[in-house]
Amino acid sequence: NQVLMAQWHATENRGFKLLLTDNGTLTFTIADGVNSQTVSLPHRLLERQWYHVVCAVDLEQKQVTLSTKPLVKYAFTDDEGTITKPLTVSPVLSNDKVLIAAAASSAGKTEHHYNGKIDSPAVLAGVHTLEARASLLVRPIDAETRSKIVALWDFSIGISTTKATDISNRGCHGSL
């Protein structure tokens, strides 16, 4: 498994992980320390292809949605889709770090590293349509979408450094 984004506490089995399984399916796992839930898309993503990937947790409607859309669509390839399932586990708020391209291990290190490219990962507040989420890919970002951004990392800023710059004006900068 290769993690795209996680806030996971392995020893307490709580948090969330958004990952690609070994067979290439997008999967989201959420756990509260006792119970866990996993939601997966049924189709495989192609290797060496760019995708717009979305995971939305709607606490009000108690549902989780996963969605993928390839940036280039190939004929006879079923690699696009959306799935929504009831949310059966409540998220646990945590001060644990959010990791991109890895998850925290029980030994305090990282594991399940992502072996690919990630561009402009973001966290948004609230629930949004798939069309609104796609507006994150367009620069400049419209004012309505920008107001919902909790964090948006632009890896092209300071590319020769070990810094990950958050362009949301909320200061959620990271380090490599």
N, C-alpha and C. Protein backbone atom coordinates (compact mmCIF):
# COMPACT_ATOMS: atom_id res chain seq x y z
N ASN A 1 0.84 -1.20 0.00
CA ASN A 1 0.00 0.00 0.00
C ASN A 1 0.87 1.24 0.00
N GLN A 2 0.38 2.28 -0.70
CA GLN A 2 1.09 3.55 -0.77
C GLN A 2 0.14 4.67 -0.34
N VAL A 3 0.50 5.37 0.71
CA VAL A 3 -0.36 6.40 1.29
C VAL A 3 -0.20 7.72 0.55
N LEU A 4 -1.34 8.34 0.22
CA LEU A 4 -1.34 9.67 -0.39
C LEU A 4 -1.37 10.75 0.69
N MET A 5 -2.24 10.57 1.70
CA MET A 5 -2.33 11.52 2.80
C MET A 5 -2.86 10.77 4.02
N ALA A 6 -2.32 11.10 5.18
CA ALA A 6 -2.76 10.43 6.40
C ALA A 6 -2.56 11.29 7.63
N GLN A 7 -3.43 11.08 8.57
CA GLN A 7 -3.24 11.55 9.93
C GLN A 7 -3.56 10.31 10.77
N TRP A 8 -2.57 9.47 10.92
CA TRP A 8 -2.77 8.12 11.43
C TRP A 8 -1.92 7.90 12.67
N HIS A 9 -2.52 7.34 13.70
CA HIS A 9 -1.81 6.96 14.91
C HIS A 9 -1.88 5.43 14.98
N ALA A 10 -0.82 4.78 14.52
CA ALA A 10 -0.81 3.33 14.35
C ALA A 10 -1.00 2.56 15.66
N THR A 11 -0.36 3.00 16.74
CA THR A 11 -0.46 2.25 17.98
C THR A 11 -1.85 2.34 18.59
N GLU A 12 -2.58 3.42 18.31
CA GLU A 12 -3.93 3.57 18.85
C GLU A 12 -5.01 3.25 17.82
N ASN A 13 -4.61 2.89 16.60
CA ASN A 13 -5.54 2.57 15.53
C ASN A 13 -6.63 3.64 15.38
N ARG A 14 -6.17 4.89 15.19
CA ARG A 14 -7.12 5.98 15.00
C ARG A 14 -6.57 6.97 13.98
N GLY A 15 -7.49 7.67 13.35
CA GLY A 15 -7.12 8.66 12.34
C GLY A 15 -7.67 8.26 10.99
N PHE A 16 -7.00 8.74 9.94
CA PHE A 16 -7.43 8.39 8.59
C PHE A 16 -6.22 8.15 7.70
N LYS A 17 -6.44 7.38 6.64
CA LYS A 17 -5.43 7.13 5.61
C LYS A 17 -6.13 7.12 4.26
N LEU A 18 -5.62 7.88 3.31
CA LEU A 18 -6.05 7.82 1.92
C LEU A 18 -4.90 7.20 1.16
N LEU A 19 -5.15 6.06 0.51
CA LEU A 19 -4.03 5.34 -0.08
C LEU A 19 -4.41 4.61 -1.36
N LEU A 20 -3.38 4.18 -2.05
CA LEU A 20 -3.53 3.28 -3.18
C LEU A 20 -3.11 1.90 -2.70
N THR A 21 -3.97 0.91 -2.93
CA THR A 21 -3.62 -0.45 -2.55
C THR A 21 -2.60 -1.01 -3.53
N ASP A 22 -2.06 -2.17 -3.20
CA ASP A 22 -1.07 -2.79 -4.07
C ASP A 22 -1.63 -3.10 -5.45
N ASN A 23 -2.95 -3.28 -5.56
CA ASN A 23 -3.53 -3.54 -6.88
C ASN A 23 -4.01 -2.27 -7.57
N GLY A 24 -3.74 -1.08 -6.97
CA GLY A 24 -4.00 0.19 -7.65
C GLY A 24 -5.38 0.79 -7.42
N THR A 25 -6.10 0.36 -6.37
CA THR A 25 -7.40 0.96 -6.10
C THR A 25 -7.27 2.03 -5.02
N LEU A 26 -8.04 3.10 -5.18
CA LEU A 26 -8.06 4.18 -4.20
C LEU A 26 -8.90 3.73 -3.00
N THR A 27 -8.33 3.88 -1.81
CA THR A 27 -8.97 3.40 -0.59
C THR A 27 -8.83 4.44 0.52
N PHE A 28 -9.89 4.57 1.31
CA PHE A 28 -9.90 5.47 2.46
C PHE A 28 -10.24 4.64 3.70
N THR A 29 -9.41 4.76 4.73
CA THR A 29 -9.67 4.09 6.00
C THR A 29 -9.75 5.13 7.09
N ILE A 30 -10.76 4.99 7.95
CA ILE A 30 -10.92 5.86 9.10
C ILE A 30 -11.14 4.98 10.32
N ALA A 31 -10.54 5.35 11.44
CA ALA A 31 -10.67 4.55 12.66
C ALA A 31 -10.72 5.47 13.87
N ASP A 32 -11.43 5.02 14.91
CA ASP A 32 -11.58 5.83 16.12
C ASP A 32 -10.90 5.23 17.34
N GLY A 33 -10.05 4.23 17.13
CA GLY A 33 -9.37 3.56 18.24
C GLY A 33 -10.01 2.24 18.58
N VAL A 34 -11.29 2.07 18.23
CA VAL A 34 -12.01 0.82 18.47
C VAL A 34 -12.55 0.27 17.15
N ASN A 35 -13.26 1.11 16.44
CA ASN A 35 -13.88 0.70 15.18
C ASN A 35 -13.14 1.31 14.00
N SER A 36 -13.21 0.65 12.86
CA SER A 36 -12.63 1.19 11.64
C SER A 36 -13.55 0.93 10.47
N GLN A 37 -13.39 1.74 9.44
CA GLN A 37 -14.17 1.61 8.23
C GLN A 37 -13.25 1.84 7.05
N THR A 38 -13.42 1.04 6.01
CA THR A 38 -12.64 1.20 4.78
C THR A 38 -13.59 1.30 3.60
N VAL A 39 -13.36 2.29 2.75
CA VAL A 39 -14.14 2.49 1.53
C VAL A 39 -13.16 2.46 0.38
N SER A 40 -13.49 1.69 -0.67
CA SER A 40 -12.60 1.58 -1.83
C SER A 40 -13.38 1.76 -3.12
N LEU A 41 -12.74 2.38 -4.09
CA LEU A 41 -13.31 2.42 -5.44
C LEU A 41 -13.09 1.06 -6.09
N PRO A 42 -14.00 0.62 -6.91
CA PRO A 42 -13.85 -0.72 -7.50
C PRO A 42 -12.85 -0.81 -8.65
N HIS A 43 -12.48 0.30 -9.25
CA HIS A 43 -11.59 0.25 -10.40
C HIS A 43 -10.14 0.57 -10.02
N ARG A 44 -9.23 0.10 -10.87
CA ARG A 44 -7.79 0.33 -10.66
C ARG A 44 -7.37 1.59 -11.39
N LEU A 45 -6.41 2.30 -10.80
CA LEU A 45 -5.81 3.44 -11.48
C LEU A 45 -4.60 2.96 -12.27
N LEU A 46 -4.38 3.59 -13.40
CA LEU A 46 -3.25 3.23 -14.24
C LEU A 46 -1.95 3.77 -13.64
N GLU A 47 -0.89 3.02 -13.79
CA GLU A 47 0.42 3.51 -13.35
C GLU A 47 0.89 4.62 -14.28
N ARG A 48 1.69 5.52 -13.71
CA ARG A 48 2.32 6.61 -14.47
C ARG A 48 1.31 7.52 -15.17
N GLN A 49 0.15 7.72 -14.56
CA GLN A 49 -0.87 8.61 -15.09
C GLN A 49 -1.30 9.57 -13.99
N TRP A 50 -1.68 10.78 -14.38
CA TRP A 50 -2.14 11.78 -13.42
C TRP A 50 -3.64 11.63 -13.21
N TYR A 51 -4.06 11.77 -11.95
CA TYR A 51 -5.47 11.71 -11.59
C TYR A 51 -5.82 12.86 -10.65
N HIS A 52 -7.04 13.33 -10.77
CA HIS A 52 -7.60 14.23 -9.76
C HIS A 52 -8.32 13.31 -8.78
N VAL A 53 -7.84 13.29 -7.54
CA VAL A 53 -8.34 12.37 -6.52
C VAL A 53 -9.01 13.18 -5.42
N VAL A 54 -10.21 12.75 -5.02
CA VAL A 54 -10.96 13.46 -3.99
C VAL A 54 -11.43 12.46 -2.94
N CYS A 55 -11.30 12.84 -1.68
CA CYS A 55 -11.91 12.11 -0.58
C CYS A 55 -12.66 13.15 0.25
N ALA A 56 -13.96 12.94 0.42
CA ALA A 56 -14.79 13.88 1.18
C ALA A 56 -15.49 13.15 2.31
N VAL A 57 -15.34 13.69 3.52
CA VAL A 57 -16.03 13.14 4.69
C VAL A 57 -17.08 14.17 5.09
N ASP A 58 -18.34 13.78 4.97
CA ASP A 58 -19.46 14.66 5.28
C ASP A 58 -20.06 14.23 6.62
N LEU A 59 -19.72 14.97 7.67
CA LEU A 59 -20.19 14.62 9.01
C LEU A 59 -21.69 14.86 9.18
N GLU A 60 -22.22 15.86 8.50
CA GLU A 60 -23.64 16.19 8.62
C GLU A 60 -24.51 15.08 8.00
N GLN A 61 -24.15 14.65 6.80
CA GLN A 61 -24.89 13.60 6.10
C GLN A 61 -24.42 12.20 6.49
N LYS A 62 -23.33 12.14 7.27
CA LYS A 62 -22.72 10.88 7.70
C LYS A 62 -22.42 9.97 6.49
N GLN A 63 -21.57 10.52 5.61
CA GLN A 63 -21.16 9.75 4.44
C GLN A 63 -19.74 10.11 4.03
N VAL A 64 -19.11 9.17 3.32
CA VAL A 64 -17.77 9.39 2.79
C VAL A 64 -17.83 9.14 1.29
N THR A 65 -17.16 10.01 0.54
CA THR A 65 -17.15 9.92 -0.92
C THR A 65 -15.71 9.85 -1.41
N LEU A 66 -15.44 8.92 -2.30
CA LEU A 66 -14.15 8.83 -3.00
C LEU A 66 -14.41 9.05 -4.47
N SER A 67 -13.49 9.76 -5.12
CA SER A 67 -13.65 10.03 -6.54
C SER A 67 -12.30 10.12 -7.22
N THR A 68 -12.23 9.59 -8.43
CA THR A 68 -11.02 9.75 -9.25
C THR A 68 -11.44 10.16 -10.65
N LYS A 69 -10.61 10.98 -11.25
CA LYS A 69 -10.81 11.38 -12.64
C LYS A 69 -9.44 11.50 -13.28
N PRO A 70 -9.18 10.72 -14.34
CA PRO A 70 -7.88 10.83 -15.01
C PRO A 70 -7.78 12.16 -15.75
N LEU A 71 -6.58 12.74 -15.76
CA LEU A 71 -6.39 13.96 -16.53
C LEU A 71 -6.36 13.67 -18.02
N VAL A 72 -5.98 12.45 -18.39
CA VAL A 72 -6.05 11.98 -19.77
C VAL A 72 -6.86 10.70 -19.77
N LYS A 73 -7.93 10.67 -20.56
CA LYS A 73 -8.80 9.51 -20.61
C LYS A 73 -8.40 8.61 -21.78
N TYR A 74 -8.20 7.31 -21.49
CA TYR A 74 -7.86 6.34 -22.52
C TYR A 74 -9.07 5.48 -22.85
N ALA A 75 -9.23 5.17 -24.12
CA ALA A 75 -10.36 4.33 -24.56
C ALA A 75 -10.29 2.96 -23.89
N PHE A 76 -11.45 2.42 -23.59
CA PHE A 76 -11.58 1.08 -23.02
C PHE A 76 -10.90 0.94 -21.65
N THR A 77 -10.74 2.04 -20.94
CA THR A 77 -10.12 2.02 -19.62
C THR A 77 -11.13 2.53 -18.60
N ASP A 78 -11.43 1.71 -17.62
CA ASP A 78 -12.38 2.07 -16.57
C ASP A 78 -11.61 2.52 -15.34
N ASP A 79 -11.18 3.79 -15.34
CA ASP A 79 -10.39 4.29 -14.22
C ASP A 79 -10.95 5.60 -13.66
N GLU A 80 -12.22 5.86 -13.94
CA GLU A 80 -12.87 7.07 -13.44
C GLU A 80 -14.14 6.67 -12.71
N GLY A 81 -14.39 7.33 -11.59
CA GLY A 81 -15.63 7.03 -10.90
C GLY A 81 -15.71 7.65 -9.52
N THR A 82 -16.89 7.53 -8.96
CA THR A 82 -17.18 8.07 -7.64
C THR A 82 -18.00 7.05 -6.87
N ILE A 83 -17.71 6.93 -5.58
CA ILE A 83 -18.48 6.04 -4.72
C ILE A 83 -18.77 6.79 -3.42
N THR A 84 -20.00 6.67 -2.95
CA THR A 84 -20.40 7.28 -1.68
C THR A 84 -20.97 6.18 -0.79
N LYS A 85 -20.49 6.12 0.43
CA LYS A 85 -20.92 5.11 1.39
C LYS A 85 -21.30 5.79 2.70
N PRO A 86 -22.19 5.17 3.48
CA PRO A 86 -22.49 5.72 4.81
C PRO A 86 -21.23 5.71 5.68
N LEU A 87 -21.06 6.76 6.45
CA LEU A 87 -19.93 6.85 7.37
C LEU A 87 -20.34 6.18 8.68
N THR A 88 -19.63 5.12 9.03
CA THR A 88 -19.98 4.35 10.23
C THR A 88 -19.05 4.61 11.41
N VAL A 89 -17.98 5.35 11.18
CA VAL A 89 -17.02 5.67 12.23
C VAL A 89 -16.86 7.19 12.30
N SER A 90 -16.95 7.74 13.47
CA SER A 90 -16.78 9.19 13.63
C SER A 90 -15.30 9.53 13.70
N PRO A 91 -14.89 10.58 12.98
CA PRO A 91 -13.49 10.99 13.05
C PRO A 91 -13.13 11.46 14.46
N VAL A 92 -11.90 11.22 14.84
CA VAL A 92 -11.37 11.67 16.12
C VAL A 92 -10.45 12.85 15.85
N LEU A 93 -10.76 14.01 16.43
CA LEU A 93 -9.89 15.17 16.24
C LEU A 93 -8.56 14.91 16.91
N SER A 94 -7.50 15.33 16.24
CA SER A 94 -6.17 15.00 16.72
C SER A 94 -5.19 16.12 16.42
N ASN A 95 -4.14 16.19 17.20
CA ASN A 95 -3.04 17.11 16.92
C ASN A 95 -1.91 16.41 16.19
N ASP A 96 -2.10 15.13 15.83
CA ASP A 96 -1.08 14.41 15.09
C ASP A 96 -0.83 15.11 13.76
N LYS A 97 0.40 15.00 13.26
CA LYS A 97 0.75 15.61 11.99
C LYS A 97 0.01 14.95 10.84
N VAL A 98 -0.33 15.76 9.85
CA VAL A 98 -0.85 15.25 8.59
C VAL A 98 0.36 14.98 7.72
N LEU A 99 0.46 13.76 7.22
CA LEU A 99 1.58 13.39 6.36
C LEU A 99 1.07 13.23 4.93
N ILE A 100 1.86 13.68 4.00
CA ILE A 100 1.58 13.51 2.58
C ILE A 100 2.61 12.54 2.04
N ALA A 101 2.15 11.53 1.33
CA ALA A 101 2.98 10.51 0.70
C ALA A 101 3.59 9.52 1.69
N ALA A 102 3.00 9.39 2.88
CA ALA A 102 3.45 8.42 3.88
C ALA A 102 2.47 8.41 5.04
N ALA A 103 2.62 7.40 5.90
CA ALA A 103 1.85 7.33 7.14
C ALA A 103 2.83 7.10 8.28
N ALA A 104 2.43 7.51 9.48
CA ALA A 104 3.27 7.29 10.65
C ALA A 104 3.19 5.83 11.06
N SER A 105 4.33 5.26 11.42
CA SER A 105 4.36 3.88 11.88
C SER A 105 4.25 3.85 13.40
N SER A 106 4.05 2.67 13.95
CA SER A 106 3.96 2.54 15.41
C SER A 106 5.31 2.81 16.07
N ALA A 107 6.41 2.74 15.30
CA ALA A 107 7.75 2.99 15.84
C ALA A 107 8.11 4.48 15.77
N GLY A 108 7.16 5.33 15.35
CA GLY A 108 7.43 6.77 15.29
C GLY A 108 8.15 7.20 14.02
N LYS A 109 8.25 6.32 13.05
CA LYS A 109 8.88 6.65 11.77
C LYS A 109 7.76 6.75 10.73
N THR A 110 8.12 6.70 9.46
CA THR A 110 7.11 6.70 8.41
C THR A 110 7.15 5.39 7.65
N GLU A 111 6.00 5.06 7.06
CA GLU A 111 5.89 3.82 6.29
C GLU A 111 4.87 4.02 5.17
N HIS A 112 4.77 3.03 4.33
CA HIS A 112 3.82 3.04 3.21
C HIS A 112 3.99 4.27 2.33
N HIS A 113 5.24 4.57 1.99
CA HIS A 113 5.57 5.74 1.19
C HIS A 113 4.97 5.64 -0.20
N TYR A 114 4.51 6.77 -0.70
CA TYR A 114 3.96 6.86 -2.04
C TYR A 114 5.11 7.00 -3.03
N ASN A 115 5.09 6.18 -4.07
CA ASN A 115 6.15 6.17 -5.07
C ASN A 115 5.61 6.78 -6.36
N GLY A 116 5.36 8.06 -6.33
CA GLY A 116 4.81 8.74 -7.50
C GLY A 116 4.90 10.23 -7.31
N LYS A 117 4.12 10.95 -8.08
CA LYS A 117 4.12 12.41 -8.02
C LYS A 117 2.78 12.89 -7.48
N ILE A 118 2.85 13.91 -6.64
CA ILE A 118 1.65 14.54 -6.09
C ILE A 118 1.77 16.03 -6.36
N ASP A 119 0.69 16.63 -6.84
CA ASP A 119 0.69 18.06 -7.13
C ASP A 119 -0.48 18.72 -6.43
N SER A 120 -0.20 19.78 -5.72
CA SER A 120 -1.22 20.65 -5.10
C SER A 120 -2.21 19.93 -4.19
N PRO A 121 -1.74 19.14 -3.22
CA PRO A 121 -2.69 18.54 -2.29
C PRO A 121 -3.38 19.62 -1.47
N ALA A 122 -4.64 19.40 -1.16
CA ALA A 122 -5.42 20.42 -0.46
C ALA A 122 -6.36 19.79 0.55
N VAL A 123 -6.71 20.58 1.55
CA VAL A 123 -7.74 20.22 2.52
C VAL A 123 -8.74 21.37 2.51
N LEU A 124 -10.02 21.02 2.34
CA LEU A 124 -11.07 22.03 2.32
C LEU A 124 -12.05 21.82 3.47
N ALA A 125 -12.63 22.90 3.95
CA ALA A 125 -13.67 22.83 4.96
C ALA A 125 -15.01 22.69 4.26
N GLY A 126 -15.91 21.94 4.86
CA GLY A 126 -17.25 21.80 4.31
C GLY A 126 -17.33 20.75 3.23
N VAL A 127 -18.49 20.68 2.60
CA VAL A 127 -18.76 19.70 1.54
C VAL A 127 -18.97 20.47 0.25
N HIS A 128 -18.40 19.95 -0.84
CA HIS A 128 -18.42 20.64 -2.11
C HIS A 128 -18.77 19.68 -3.23
N THR A 129 -19.31 20.20 -4.31
CA THR A 129 -19.58 19.38 -5.48
C THR A 129 -18.26 18.97 -6.12
N LEU A 130 -18.30 17.91 -6.92
CA LEU A 130 -17.08 17.50 -7.63
C LEU A 130 -16.60 18.60 -8.57
N GLU A 131 -17.52 19.34 -9.16
CA GLU A 131 -17.15 20.44 -10.05
C GLU A 131 -16.41 21.54 -9.28
N ALA A 132 -16.88 21.83 -8.08
CA ALA A 132 -16.22 22.86 -7.27
C ALA A 132 -14.83 22.41 -6.86
N ARG A 133 -14.69 21.13 -6.56
CA ARG A 133 -13.38 20.61 -6.17
C ARG A 133 -12.40 20.72 -7.33
N ALA A 134 -12.89 20.54 -8.54
CA ALA A 134 -12.03 20.64 -9.72
C ALA A 134 -11.51 22.06 -9.92
N SER A 135 -12.20 23.05 -9.35
CA SER A 135 -11.76 24.44 -9.50
C SER A 135 -10.42 24.67 -8.79
N LEU A 136 -10.00 23.75 -7.92
CA LEU A 136 -8.69 23.86 -7.29
C LEU A 136 -7.56 23.72 -8.29
N LEU A 137 -7.86 23.12 -9.44
CA LEU A 137 -6.83 22.89 -10.46
C LEU A 137 -6.61 24.11 -11.34
N VAL A 138 -7.46 25.12 -11.24
CA VAL A 138 -7.40 26.30 -12.10
C VAL A 138 -6.80 27.46 -11.31
N ARG A 139 -5.82 28.14 -11.91
CA ARG A 139 -5.22 29.31 -11.27
C ARG A 139 -5.60 30.55 -12.06
N PRO A 140 -5.97 31.64 -11.44
CA PRO A 140 -6.13 31.77 -10.00
C PRO A 140 -7.40 31.06 -9.53
N ILE A 141 -7.40 30.64 -8.28
CA ILE A 141 -8.54 29.96 -7.68
C ILE A 141 -9.61 31.00 -7.38
N ASP A 142 -10.87 30.67 -7.73
CA ASP A 142 -11.94 31.63 -7.51
C ASP A 142 -12.13 31.91 -6.01
N ALA A 143 -12.68 33.06 -5.71
CA ALA A 143 -12.79 33.54 -4.32
C ALA A 143 -13.62 32.61 -3.45
N GLU A 144 -14.70 32.05 -3.98
CA GLU A 144 -15.56 31.17 -3.19
C GLU A 144 -14.81 29.91 -2.76
N THR A 145 -14.10 29.29 -3.70
CA THR A 145 -13.32 28.10 -3.37
C THR A 145 -12.19 28.45 -2.42
N ARG A 146 -11.50 29.55 -2.68
CA ARG A 146 -10.38 29.97 -1.82
C ARG A 146 -10.83 30.14 -0.37
N SER A 147 -12.05 30.61 -0.15
CA SER A 147 -12.54 30.83 1.22
C SER A 147 -12.74 29.52 1.98
N LYS A 148 -12.82 28.40 1.28
CA LYS A 148 -13.03 27.09 1.91
C LYS A 148 -11.73 26.32 2.15
N ILE A 149 -10.62 26.83 1.65
CA ILE A 149 -9.35 26.11 1.74
C ILE A 149 -8.78 26.20 3.15
N VAL A 150 -8.51 25.05 3.73
CA VAL A 150 -7.83 24.97 5.02
C VAL A 150 -6.32 24.93 4.79
N ALA A 151 -5.90 24.17 3.79
CA ALA A 151 -4.48 24.10 3.42
C ALA A 151 -4.39 23.72 1.94
N LEU A 152 -3.44 24.34 1.26
CA LEU A 152 -3.16 24.03 -0.14
C LEU A 152 -1.67 24.20 -0.34
N TRP A 153 -1.01 23.08 -0.56
CA TRP A 153 0.45 23.10 -0.67
C TRP A 153 0.88 23.22 -2.12
N ASP A 154 1.77 24.16 -2.38
CA ASP A 154 2.34 24.37 -3.71
C ASP A 154 3.81 23.95 -3.65
N PHE A 155 4.09 22.76 -4.14
CA PHE A 155 5.44 22.20 -4.06
C PHE A 155 6.41 22.91 -5.01
N SER A 156 5.92 23.74 -5.94
CA SER A 156 6.83 24.43 -6.85
C SER A 156 7.50 25.63 -6.17
N ILE A 157 6.95 26.09 -5.06
CA ILE A 157 7.56 27.20 -4.33
C ILE A 157 8.67 26.64 -3.45
N GLY A 158 9.86 27.14 -3.63
CA GLY A 158 11.00 26.66 -2.85
C GLY A 158 11.37 25.23 -3.22
N ILE A 159 11.29 24.92 -4.49
CA ILE A 159 11.50 23.53 -4.96
C ILE A 159 12.89 22.99 -4.61
N SER A 160 13.86 23.88 -4.44
CA SER A 160 15.21 23.41 -4.10
C SER A 160 15.43 23.31 -2.58
N THR A 161 14.36 23.56 -1.82
CA THR A 161 14.47 23.51 -0.36
C THR A 161 13.74 22.28 0.19
N THR A 162 13.69 22.16 1.48
CA THR A 162 12.95 21.07 2.13
C THR A 162 11.64 21.59 2.73
N LYS A 163 11.13 22.69 2.19
CA LYS A 163 9.89 23.28 2.68
C LYS A 163 8.73 22.98 1.74
N ALA A 164 7.56 22.78 2.33
CA ALA A 164 6.31 22.65 1.57
C ALA A 164 5.48 23.87 1.93
N THR A 165 5.23 24.73 0.96
CA THR A 165 4.58 26.01 1.22
C THR A 165 3.07 25.91 1.06
N ASP A 166 2.37 26.32 2.11
CA ASP A 166 0.91 26.39 2.10
C ASP A 166 0.53 27.76 1.56
N ILE A 167 -0.22 27.80 0.46
CA ILE A 167 -0.61 29.08 -0.15
C ILE A 167 -2.02 29.49 0.26
N SER A 168 -2.56 28.89 1.33
CA SER A 168 -3.92 29.20 1.77
C SER A 168 -3.99 30.43 2.68
N ASN A 169 -2.87 30.98 3.07
CA ASN A 169 -2.79 32.08 4.03
C ASN A 169 -3.11 31.64 5.46
N ARG A 170 -3.11 30.34 5.72
CA ARG A 170 -3.36 29.82 7.06
C ARG A 170 -2.08 29.32 7.74
N GLY A 171 -0.98 29.32 6.98
CA GLY A 171 0.31 28.99 7.56
C GLY A 171 0.52 27.53 7.88
N CYS A 172 -0.10 26.63 7.14
CA CYS A 172 0.07 25.19 7.37
C CYS A 172 1.27 24.67 6.57
N HIS A 173 2.39 25.35 6.70
CA HIS A 173 3.59 24.97 5.96
C HIS A 173 4.12 23.63 6.47
N GLY A 174 4.80 22.93 5.60
CA GLY A 174 5.33 21.63 5.98
C GLY A 174 6.81 21.54 5.71
N SER A 175 7.36 20.38 6.04
CA SER A 175 8.77 20.13 5.78
C SER A 175 8.92 18.73 5.22
N LEU A 176 10.01 18.57 4.47
CA LEU A 176 10.29 17.27 3.84
C LEU A 176 11.33 16.54 4.63
